[in-house]
Amino acid sequence: MVDPHSYTYEDKQTKRLRSHADAFRYSDAMERLAELRRDRPEQYDQLNPVSRISLGHYEIAKAAAVQLGRNVSAPTDREV
């Protein structure tokens, strides 16, 4: 019998990936922050650390959603 509480490394990684992907919600504000970091890094560097950390979490969740084949584009009026 397999112990349901013993996970292999791959199982832990899969669980973490799904958890991040499930947490992803499209955000215009986070997309603008990512654009600011890309286009005007000097202004981005002056933002408070909480904003930069939030963007990091958002991008991790977005990458996980992409890896699992989920839609990460902006919702249309019909999807809201």
N, C-alpha and C. Protein backbone atom coordinates (compact mmCIF):
# COMPACT_ATOMS: atom_id res chain seq x y z
N MET A 1 0.84 -1.18 0.00
CA MET A 1 0.00 0.00 0.00
C MET A 1 0.88 1.25 0.00
N VAL A 2 0.52 2.22 -0.81
CA VAL A 2 1.28 3.45 -0.93
C VAL A 2 0.82 4.44 0.12
N ASP A 3 1.78 5.01 0.83
CA ASP A 3 1.46 6.00 1.84
C ASP A 3 1.07 7.31 1.14
N PRO A 4 -0.15 7.81 1.36
CA PRO A 4 -0.57 9.03 0.65
C PRO A 4 0.19 10.27 1.09
N HIS A 5 0.93 10.18 2.18
CA HIS A 5 1.67 11.34 2.67
C HIS A 5 3.12 11.35 2.22
N SER A 6 3.56 10.32 1.55
CA SER A 6 4.93 10.31 1.05
C SER A 6 4.91 10.64 -0.44
N TYR A 7 5.50 11.74 -0.75
CA TYR A 7 5.54 12.22 -2.13
C TYR A 7 6.95 12.09 -2.68
N THR A 8 7.02 11.85 -3.94
CA THR A 8 8.32 11.91 -4.59
C THR A 8 8.61 13.37 -4.87
N TYR A 9 9.84 13.67 -5.23
CA TYR A 9 10.22 15.05 -5.56
C TYR A 9 9.34 15.60 -6.68
N GLU A 10 9.08 14.77 -7.66
CA GLU A 10 8.25 15.20 -8.79
C GLU A 10 6.83 15.53 -8.34
N ASP A 11 6.29 14.75 -7.42
CA ASP A 11 4.95 15.03 -6.93
C ASP A 11 4.89 16.37 -6.21
N LYS A 12 5.91 16.69 -5.43
CA LYS A 12 5.96 17.97 -4.73
C LYS A 12 6.04 19.11 -5.74
N GLN A 13 6.85 18.93 -6.76
CA GLN A 13 6.98 19.97 -7.78
C GLN A 13 5.68 20.17 -8.54
N THR A 14 5.00 19.09 -8.86
CA THR A 14 3.73 19.18 -9.57
C THR A 14 2.68 19.87 -8.70
N LYS A 15 2.66 19.52 -7.43
CA LYS A 15 1.71 20.15 -6.51
C LYS A 15 1.98 21.64 -6.40
N ARG A 16 3.25 22.02 -6.29
CA ARG A 16 3.62 23.43 -6.20
C ARG A 16 3.24 24.17 -7.49
N LEU A 17 3.50 23.56 -8.63
CA LEU A 17 3.17 24.17 -9.91
C LEU A 17 1.67 24.41 -10.01
N ARG A 18 0.87 23.42 -9.67
CA ARG A 18 -0.59 23.58 -9.71
C ARG A 18 -1.06 24.66 -8.74
N SER A 19 -0.44 24.70 -7.57
CA SER A 19 -0.81 25.71 -6.57
C SER A 19 -0.55 27.11 -7.09
N HIS A 20 0.62 27.30 -7.70
CA HIS A 20 0.93 28.62 -8.28
C HIS A 20 -0.03 28.95 -9.41
N ALA A 21 -0.28 28.00 -10.27
CA ALA A 21 -1.17 28.24 -11.41
C ALA A 21 -2.59 28.56 -10.95
N ASP A 22 -3.05 27.87 -9.90
CA ASP A 22 -4.39 28.13 -9.37
C ASP A 22 -4.50 29.53 -8.77
N ALA A 23 -3.39 30.07 -8.29
CA ALA A 23 -3.40 31.39 -7.67
C ALA A 23 -3.40 32.51 -8.70
N PHE A 24 -3.12 32.20 -9.97
CA PHE A 24 -3.00 33.25 -10.97
C PHE A 24 -4.36 33.86 -11.31
N ARG A 25 -4.42 35.17 -11.24
CA ARG A 25 -5.56 35.97 -11.70
C ARG A 25 -4.98 37.13 -12.49
N TYR A 26 -5.43 37.31 -13.72
CA TYR A 26 -4.92 38.38 -14.56
C TYR A 26 -5.10 39.72 -13.85
N SER A 27 -4.07 40.56 -13.91
CA SER A 27 -4.13 41.87 -13.27
C SER A 27 -3.53 42.92 -14.20
N ASP A 28 -4.34 43.91 -14.54
CA ASP A 28 -3.84 45.01 -15.37
C ASP A 28 -2.71 45.74 -14.66
N ALA A 29 -2.84 45.93 -13.36
CA ALA A 29 -1.82 46.64 -12.59
C ALA A 29 -0.49 45.91 -12.64
N MET A 30 -0.52 44.60 -12.48
CA MET A 30 0.72 43.83 -12.51
C MET A 30 1.33 43.81 -13.92
N GLU A 31 0.48 43.77 -14.92
CA GLU A 31 0.98 43.82 -16.30
C GLU A 31 1.65 45.17 -16.58
N ARG A 32 1.08 46.24 -16.03
CA ARG A 32 1.70 47.57 -16.19
C ARG A 32 3.04 47.63 -15.45
N LEU A 33 3.11 47.01 -14.28
CA LEU A 33 4.39 46.97 -13.55
C LEU A 33 5.45 46.22 -14.34
N ALA A 34 5.06 45.11 -14.95
CA ALA A 34 6.00 44.33 -15.77
C ALA A 34 6.47 45.16 -16.96
N GLU A 35 5.55 45.90 -17.53
CA GLU A 35 5.90 46.79 -18.66
C GLU A 35 6.85 47.89 -18.19
N LEU A 36 6.59 48.46 -17.03
CA LEU A 36 7.46 49.49 -16.47
C LEU A 36 8.86 48.95 -16.24
N ARG A 37 8.97 47.73 -15.70
CA ARG A 37 10.28 47.13 -15.47
C ARG A 37 11.02 46.93 -16.78
N ARG A 38 10.28 46.54 -17.81
CA ARG A 38 10.90 46.28 -19.11
C ARG A 38 11.29 47.58 -19.82
N ASP A 39 10.39 48.58 -19.81
CA ASP A 39 10.60 49.78 -20.61
C ASP A 39 11.31 50.92 -19.88
N ARG A 40 11.14 51.01 -18.56
CA ARG A 40 11.74 52.11 -17.80
C ARG A 40 12.30 51.56 -16.47
N PRO A 41 13.37 50.79 -16.56
CA PRO A 41 13.92 50.14 -15.37
C PRO A 41 14.34 51.12 -14.27
N GLU A 42 14.75 52.32 -14.65
CA GLU A 42 15.16 53.30 -13.63
C GLU A 42 13.98 53.72 -12.76
N GLN A 43 12.79 53.84 -13.34
CA GLN A 43 11.60 54.15 -12.54
C GLN A 43 11.16 52.93 -11.73
N TYR A 44 11.25 51.76 -12.33
CA TYR A 44 10.87 50.53 -11.63
C TYR A 44 11.73 50.35 -10.38
N ASP A 45 13.01 50.64 -10.48
CA ASP A 45 13.92 50.47 -9.35
C ASP A 45 13.57 51.39 -8.18
N GLN A 46 12.82 52.44 -8.43
CA GLN A 46 12.44 53.37 -7.37
C GLN A 46 11.13 52.98 -6.68
N LEU A 47 10.45 51.97 -7.17
CA LEU A 47 9.21 51.51 -6.55
C LEU A 47 9.49 50.87 -5.19
N ASN A 48 8.46 50.83 -4.37
CA ASN A 48 8.66 50.21 -3.07
C ASN A 48 8.84 48.69 -3.24
N PRO A 49 9.53 48.07 -2.29
CA PRO A 49 9.82 46.64 -2.40
C PRO A 49 8.58 45.76 -2.46
N VAL A 50 7.51 46.16 -1.81
CA VAL A 50 6.29 45.34 -1.81
C VAL A 50 5.75 45.20 -3.23
N SER A 51 5.79 46.27 -4.00
CA SER A 51 5.32 46.21 -5.39
C SER A 51 6.18 45.26 -6.22
N ARG A 52 7.48 45.33 -6.02
CA ARG A 52 8.37 44.46 -6.79
C ARG A 52 8.20 42.99 -6.38
N ILE A 53 8.02 42.75 -5.09
CA ILE A 53 7.79 41.37 -4.61
C ILE A 53 6.46 40.85 -5.15
N SER A 54 5.44 41.69 -5.14
CA SER A 54 4.13 41.30 -5.67
C SER A 54 4.23 40.93 -7.14
N LEU A 55 4.98 41.71 -7.89
CA LEU A 55 5.17 41.40 -9.31
C LEU A 55 5.87 40.06 -9.47
N GLY A 56 6.84 39.77 -8.63
CA GLY A 56 7.53 38.49 -8.70
C GLY A 56 6.58 37.32 -8.46
N HIS A 57 5.73 37.44 -7.46
CA HIS A 57 4.74 36.39 -7.19
C HIS A 57 3.76 36.23 -8.36
N TYR A 58 3.34 37.37 -8.90
CA TYR A 58 2.42 37.35 -10.04
C TYR A 58 3.05 36.64 -11.23
N GLU A 59 4.30 36.95 -11.51
CA GLU A 59 4.97 36.34 -12.67
C GLU A 59 5.23 34.85 -12.46
N ILE A 60 5.51 34.44 -11.24
CA ILE A 60 5.68 33.01 -10.95
C ILE A 60 4.36 32.28 -11.20
N ALA A 61 3.26 32.86 -10.72
CA ALA A 61 1.95 32.24 -10.92
C ALA A 61 1.58 32.21 -12.40
N LYS A 62 1.90 33.28 -13.11
CA LYS A 62 1.58 33.34 -14.54
C LYS A 62 2.39 32.30 -15.32
N ALA A 63 3.66 32.17 -14.99
CA ALA A 63 4.51 31.18 -15.67
C ALA A 63 4.01 29.76 -15.40
N ALA A 64 3.57 29.51 -14.18
CA ALA A 64 3.03 28.18 -13.87
C ALA A 64 1.76 27.92 -14.66
N ALA A 65 0.91 28.93 -14.77
CA ALA A 65 -0.33 28.77 -15.54
C ALA A 65 -0.02 28.51 -17.01
N VAL A 66 0.95 29.21 -17.55
CA VAL A 66 1.36 28.99 -18.94
C VAL A 66 1.89 27.57 -19.11
N GLN A 67 2.70 27.13 -18.17
CA GLN A 67 3.28 25.78 -18.25
C GLN A 67 2.20 24.71 -18.23
N LEU A 68 1.10 24.97 -17.54
CA LEU A 68 0.00 24.00 -17.50
C LEU A 68 -1.01 24.22 -18.62
N GLY A 69 -0.71 25.14 -19.53
CA GLY A 69 -1.56 25.35 -20.69
C GLY A 69 -2.81 26.17 -20.43
N ARG A 70 -2.80 26.96 -19.40
CA ARG A 70 -3.96 27.78 -19.07
C ARG A 70 -3.90 29.13 -19.78
N ASN A 71 -5.04 29.74 -19.95
CA ASN A 71 -5.14 31.04 -20.59
C ASN A 71 -4.70 32.12 -19.62
N VAL A 72 -3.72 32.92 -20.00
CA VAL A 72 -3.23 33.99 -19.13
C VAL A 72 -3.45 35.37 -19.75
N SER A 73 -4.20 35.43 -20.84
CA SER A 73 -4.45 36.71 -21.48
C SER A 73 -5.53 37.48 -20.73
N ALA A 74 -5.63 38.76 -21.05
CA ALA A 74 -6.63 39.61 -20.41
C ALA A 74 -8.03 39.07 -20.71
N PRO A 75 -8.91 39.07 -19.72
CA PRO A 75 -10.28 38.57 -19.98
C PRO A 75 -11.03 39.54 -20.88
N THR A 76 -11.88 38.97 -21.70
CA THR A 76 -12.72 39.81 -22.55
C THR A 76 -14.01 40.13 -21.78
N ASP A 77 -14.84 41.00 -22.32
CA ASP A 77 -16.08 41.38 -21.64
C ASP A 77 -16.96 40.17 -21.38
N ARG A 78 -16.93 39.19 -22.27
CA ARG A 78 -17.77 38.00 -22.10
C ARG A 78 -17.26 37.08 -21.00
N GLU A 79 -15.96 37.15 -20.68
CA GLU A 79 -15.39 36.26 -19.68
C GLU A 79 -15.52 36.83 -18.26
N VAL A 80 -15.83 38.11 -18.14
CA VAL A 80 -15.89 38.74 -16.82
C VAL A 80 -17.16 38.42 -16.12
